[in-house]
Amino acid sequence: MLSLTMVQVARDWEEAGQLQGNGGIIQGQVIGYNKGGLLVQFNRIRGFVPASQVAQLHGRTASEERQQALQRMVGQTIPLKVI
């Protein structure tokens, strides 16, 4: 017997797989960050965006500045591509 939540999560993973296959763009909410990048929410799935892939950050951004920029993004909705 499957729970409703497990079925919904399975559907979300299926949708993410389809988006990966066709290169679709989704809107995901930034729910947190760590030293490596952003934590994002897509339906019931949590994802990770490496800091190197965040357009607002420059490659040579100092560590403290990078952490502050990541922190400011929490709560924002950003476009994401599933890879």
N, C-alpha and C. Protein backbone atom coordinates (compact mmCIF):
# COMPACT_ATOMS: atom_id res chain seq x y z
N MET A 1 0.83 -1.16 0.00
CA MET A 1 0.00 0.00 0.00
C MET A 1 0.89 1.25 0.00
N LEU A 2 0.64 2.17 -0.91
CA LEU A 2 1.43 3.39 -1.01
C LEU A 2 0.69 4.55 -0.37
N SER A 3 1.45 5.40 0.25
CA SER A 3 0.81 6.60 0.79
C SER A 3 0.63 7.63 -0.32
N LEU A 4 -0.29 8.52 -0.11
CA LEU A 4 -0.54 9.58 -1.08
C LEU A 4 0.72 10.41 -1.31
N THR A 5 1.44 10.69 -0.25
CA THR A 5 2.67 11.48 -0.37
C THR A 5 3.70 10.78 -1.24
N MET A 6 3.87 9.48 -1.05
CA MET A 6 4.84 8.73 -1.85
C MET A 6 4.46 8.75 -3.33
N VAL A 7 3.19 8.67 -3.62
CA VAL A 7 2.72 8.73 -5.01
C VAL A 7 3.00 10.10 -5.59
N GLN A 8 2.73 11.15 -4.81
CA GLN A 8 2.97 12.51 -5.29
C GLN A 8 4.46 12.76 -5.53
N VAL A 9 5.30 12.28 -4.64
CA VAL A 9 6.75 12.43 -4.82
C VAL A 9 7.21 11.68 -6.06
N ALA A 10 6.70 10.48 -6.27
CA ALA A 10 7.06 9.71 -7.47
C ALA A 10 6.65 10.47 -8.73
N ARG A 11 5.50 11.10 -8.72
CA ARG A 11 5.06 11.90 -9.88
C ARG A 11 5.98 13.10 -10.08
N ASP A 12 6.39 13.72 -8.99
CA ASP A 12 7.30 14.87 -9.11
C ASP A 12 8.63 14.45 -9.73
N TRP A 13 9.15 13.27 -9.32
CA TRP A 13 10.40 12.78 -9.91
C TRP A 13 10.20 12.46 -11.39
N GLU A 14 9.05 11.93 -11.73
CA GLU A 14 8.76 11.64 -13.14
C GLU A 14 8.74 12.94 -13.95
N GLU A 15 8.09 13.96 -13.39
CA GLU A 15 8.05 15.26 -14.07
C GLU A 15 9.45 15.84 -14.21
N ALA A 16 10.26 15.71 -13.17
CA ALA A 16 11.64 16.22 -13.24
C ALA A 16 12.42 15.48 -14.32
N GLY A 17 12.20 14.18 -14.45
CA GLY A 17 12.87 13.41 -15.49
C GLY A 17 12.46 13.86 -16.88
N GLN A 18 11.19 14.16 -17.05
CA GLN A 18 10.71 14.65 -18.34
C GLN A 18 11.32 16.02 -18.65
N LEU A 19 11.40 16.87 -17.64
CA LEU A 19 12.01 18.19 -17.84
C LEU A 19 13.49 18.06 -18.21
N GLN A 20 14.15 17.12 -17.60
CA GLN A 20 15.56 16.89 -17.93
C GLN A 20 15.69 16.46 -19.38
N GLY A 21 14.80 15.59 -19.81
CA GLY A 21 14.85 15.07 -21.18
C GLY A 21 14.58 16.11 -22.24
N ASN A 22 13.67 17.04 -21.95
CA ASN A 22 13.32 18.02 -22.98
C ASN A 22 13.93 19.40 -22.73
N GLY A 23 14.77 19.52 -21.70
CA GLY A 23 15.46 20.79 -21.44
C GLY A 23 14.56 21.89 -20.93
N GLY A 24 13.43 21.51 -20.34
CA GLY A 24 12.48 22.50 -19.84
C GLY A 24 13.01 23.32 -18.67
N ILE A 25 12.46 24.49 -18.54
CA ILE A 25 12.81 25.41 -17.44
C ILE A 25 11.65 25.43 -16.45
N ILE A 26 11.98 25.35 -15.18
CA ILE A 26 10.96 25.42 -14.12
C ILE A 26 11.24 26.62 -13.23
N GLN A 27 10.29 26.96 -12.42
CA GLN A 27 10.47 27.99 -11.40
C GLN A 27 10.58 27.28 -10.06
N GLY A 28 11.67 27.50 -9.35
CA GLY A 28 11.87 26.87 -8.06
C GLY A 28 12.12 27.91 -6.99
N GLN A 29 11.65 27.64 -5.80
CA GLN A 29 11.85 28.58 -4.70
C GLN A 29 13.13 28.22 -3.95
N VAL A 30 13.94 29.23 -3.66
CA VAL A 30 15.15 29.05 -2.87
C VAL A 30 14.71 28.93 -1.42
N ILE A 31 15.01 27.79 -0.80
CA ILE A 31 14.57 27.54 0.57
C ILE A 31 15.73 27.58 1.56
N GLY A 32 16.95 27.68 1.06
CA GLY A 32 18.10 27.74 1.94
C GLY A 32 19.38 27.80 1.14
N TYR A 33 20.49 27.77 1.85
CA TYR A 33 21.80 27.79 1.20
C TYR A 33 22.81 27.13 2.12
N ASN A 34 23.95 26.79 1.55
CA ASN A 34 25.09 26.32 2.33
C ASN A 34 26.34 26.87 1.65
N LYS A 35 27.50 26.48 2.11
CA LYS A 35 28.71 27.07 1.55
C LYS A 35 28.91 26.74 0.08
N GLY A 36 28.22 25.69 -0.41
CA GLY A 36 28.40 25.30 -1.80
C GLY A 36 27.39 25.83 -2.78
N GLY A 37 26.24 26.33 -2.29
CA GLY A 37 25.24 26.81 -3.22
C GLY A 37 23.86 26.95 -2.60
N LEU A 38 22.84 26.84 -3.45
CA LEU A 38 21.46 27.07 -3.04
C LEU A 38 20.68 25.76 -2.91
N LEU A 39 19.77 25.72 -1.95
CA LEU A 39 18.82 24.63 -1.81
C LEU A 39 17.50 25.14 -2.36
N VAL A 40 16.91 24.37 -3.27
CA VAL A 40 15.68 24.81 -3.94
C VAL A 40 14.59 23.76 -3.79
N GLN A 41 13.35 24.23 -3.90
CA GLN A 41 12.19 23.34 -3.80
C GLN A 41 11.47 23.32 -5.13
N PHE A 42 11.20 22.12 -5.63
CA PHE A 42 10.39 21.91 -6.83
C PHE A 42 9.30 20.93 -6.45
N ASN A 43 8.10 21.43 -6.32
CA ASN A 43 6.99 20.61 -5.81
C ASN A 43 7.41 19.98 -4.48
N ARG A 44 7.54 18.66 -4.42
CA ARG A 44 7.90 18.00 -3.17
C ARG A 44 9.35 17.50 -3.18
N ILE A 45 10.13 17.96 -4.14
CA ILE A 45 11.53 17.54 -4.27
C ILE A 45 12.44 18.72 -3.91
N ARG A 46 13.47 18.42 -3.17
CA ARG A 46 14.50 19.44 -2.88
C ARG A 46 15.66 19.22 -3.82
N GLY A 47 16.19 20.33 -4.30
CA GLY A 47 17.32 20.26 -5.20
C GLY A 47 18.45 21.15 -4.74
N PHE A 48 19.56 21.07 -5.46
CA PHE A 48 20.75 21.84 -5.13
C PHE A 48 21.26 22.53 -6.38
N VAL A 49 21.60 23.81 -6.25
CA VAL A 49 22.20 24.58 -7.34
C VAL A 49 23.59 25.01 -6.87
N PRO A 50 24.65 24.48 -7.49
CA PRO A 50 25.99 24.89 -7.09
C PRO A 50 26.19 26.39 -7.27
N ALA A 51 26.95 27.00 -6.36
CA ALA A 51 27.20 28.44 -6.43
C ALA A 51 27.80 28.83 -7.77
N SER A 52 28.57 27.93 -8.36
CA SER A 52 29.19 28.24 -9.66
C SER A 52 28.15 28.38 -10.76
N GLN A 53 26.93 27.91 -10.54
CA GLN A 53 25.87 27.99 -11.54
C GLN A 53 24.88 29.11 -11.27
N VAL A 54 25.11 29.90 -10.24
CA VAL A 54 24.22 31.00 -9.89
C VAL A 54 24.67 32.23 -10.67
N ALA A 55 23.79 32.73 -11.53
CA ALA A 55 24.15 33.82 -12.43
C ALA A 55 24.56 35.09 -11.70
N GLN A 56 24.01 35.35 -10.52
CA GLN A 56 24.31 36.58 -9.80
C GLN A 56 25.70 36.59 -9.17
N LEU A 57 26.36 35.45 -9.13
CA LEU A 57 27.68 35.37 -8.52
C LEU A 57 28.75 35.35 -9.59
N HIS A 58 29.81 36.06 -9.33
CA HIS A 58 30.95 36.08 -10.24
C HIS A 58 31.94 35.01 -9.78
N GLY A 59 32.71 34.48 -10.67
CA GLY A 59 33.67 33.44 -10.34
C GLY A 59 34.66 33.84 -9.28
N ARG A 60 34.95 35.11 -9.18
CA ARG A 60 35.96 35.57 -8.22
C ARG A 60 35.35 36.26 -7.01
N THR A 61 34.08 36.03 -6.76
CA THR A 61 33.43 36.63 -5.60
C THR A 61 34.05 36.04 -4.34
N ALA A 62 34.42 36.91 -3.40
CA ALA A 62 35.01 36.47 -2.15
C ALA A 62 34.02 35.59 -1.39
N SER A 63 34.55 34.67 -0.60
CA SER A 63 33.72 33.71 0.11
C SER A 63 32.65 34.37 0.97
N GLU A 64 33.00 35.38 1.72
CA GLU A 64 32.02 36.05 2.59
C GLU A 64 30.95 36.74 1.76
N GLU A 65 31.35 37.40 0.69
CA GLU A 65 30.39 38.06 -0.20
C GLU A 65 29.46 37.05 -0.85
N ARG A 66 30.03 35.91 -1.24
CA ARG A 66 29.23 34.86 -1.87
C ARG A 66 28.17 34.35 -0.90
N GLN A 67 28.53 34.11 0.35
CA GLN A 67 27.58 33.63 1.34
C GLN A 67 26.47 34.65 1.58
N GLN A 68 26.83 35.92 1.60
CA GLN A 68 25.81 36.97 1.78
C GLN A 68 24.86 37.02 0.58
N ALA A 69 25.40 36.87 -0.62
CA ALA A 69 24.57 36.89 -1.84
C ALA A 69 23.63 35.68 -1.85
N LEU A 70 24.14 34.52 -1.45
CA LEU A 70 23.30 33.32 -1.39
C LEU A 70 22.19 33.51 -0.35
N GLN A 71 22.54 34.08 0.79
CA GLN A 71 21.55 34.31 1.85
C GLN A 71 20.44 35.24 1.38
N ARG A 72 20.79 36.27 0.61
CA ARG A 72 19.79 37.22 0.11
C ARG A 72 18.82 36.56 -0.87
N MET A 73 19.21 35.47 -1.47
CA MET A 73 18.36 34.81 -2.45
C MET A 73 17.30 33.90 -1.81
N VAL A 74 17.44 33.60 -0.53
CA VAL A 74 16.46 32.74 0.15
C VAL A 74 15.09 33.41 0.09
N GLY A 75 14.10 32.64 -0.31
CA GLY A 75 12.74 33.14 -0.47
C GLY A 75 12.39 33.55 -1.89
N GLN A 76 13.39 33.73 -2.73
CA GLN A 76 13.14 34.12 -4.12
C GLN A 76 12.75 32.90 -4.96
N THR A 77 12.04 33.14 -6.02
CA THR A 77 11.73 32.11 -7.01
C THR A 77 12.63 32.37 -8.21
N ILE A 78 13.35 31.34 -8.63
CA ILE A 78 14.32 31.51 -9.72
C ILE A 78 14.06 30.46 -10.81
N PRO A 79 14.45 30.78 -12.04
CA PRO A 79 14.31 29.79 -13.12
C PRO A 79 15.41 28.72 -12.98
N LEU A 80 15.04 27.47 -13.20
CA LEU A 80 15.97 26.36 -13.06
C LEU A 80 15.84 25.41 -14.24
N LYS A 81 16.95 24.83 -14.59
CA LYS A 81 16.96 23.77 -15.61
C LYS A 81 17.41 22.50 -14.93
N VAL A 82 16.66 21.43 -15.11
CA VAL A 82 16.99 20.15 -14.49
C VAL A 82 18.09 19.48 -15.30
N ILE A 83 19.20 19.15 -14.62
CA ILE A 83 20.31 18.47 -15.29
C ILE A 83 20.64 17.18 -14.56
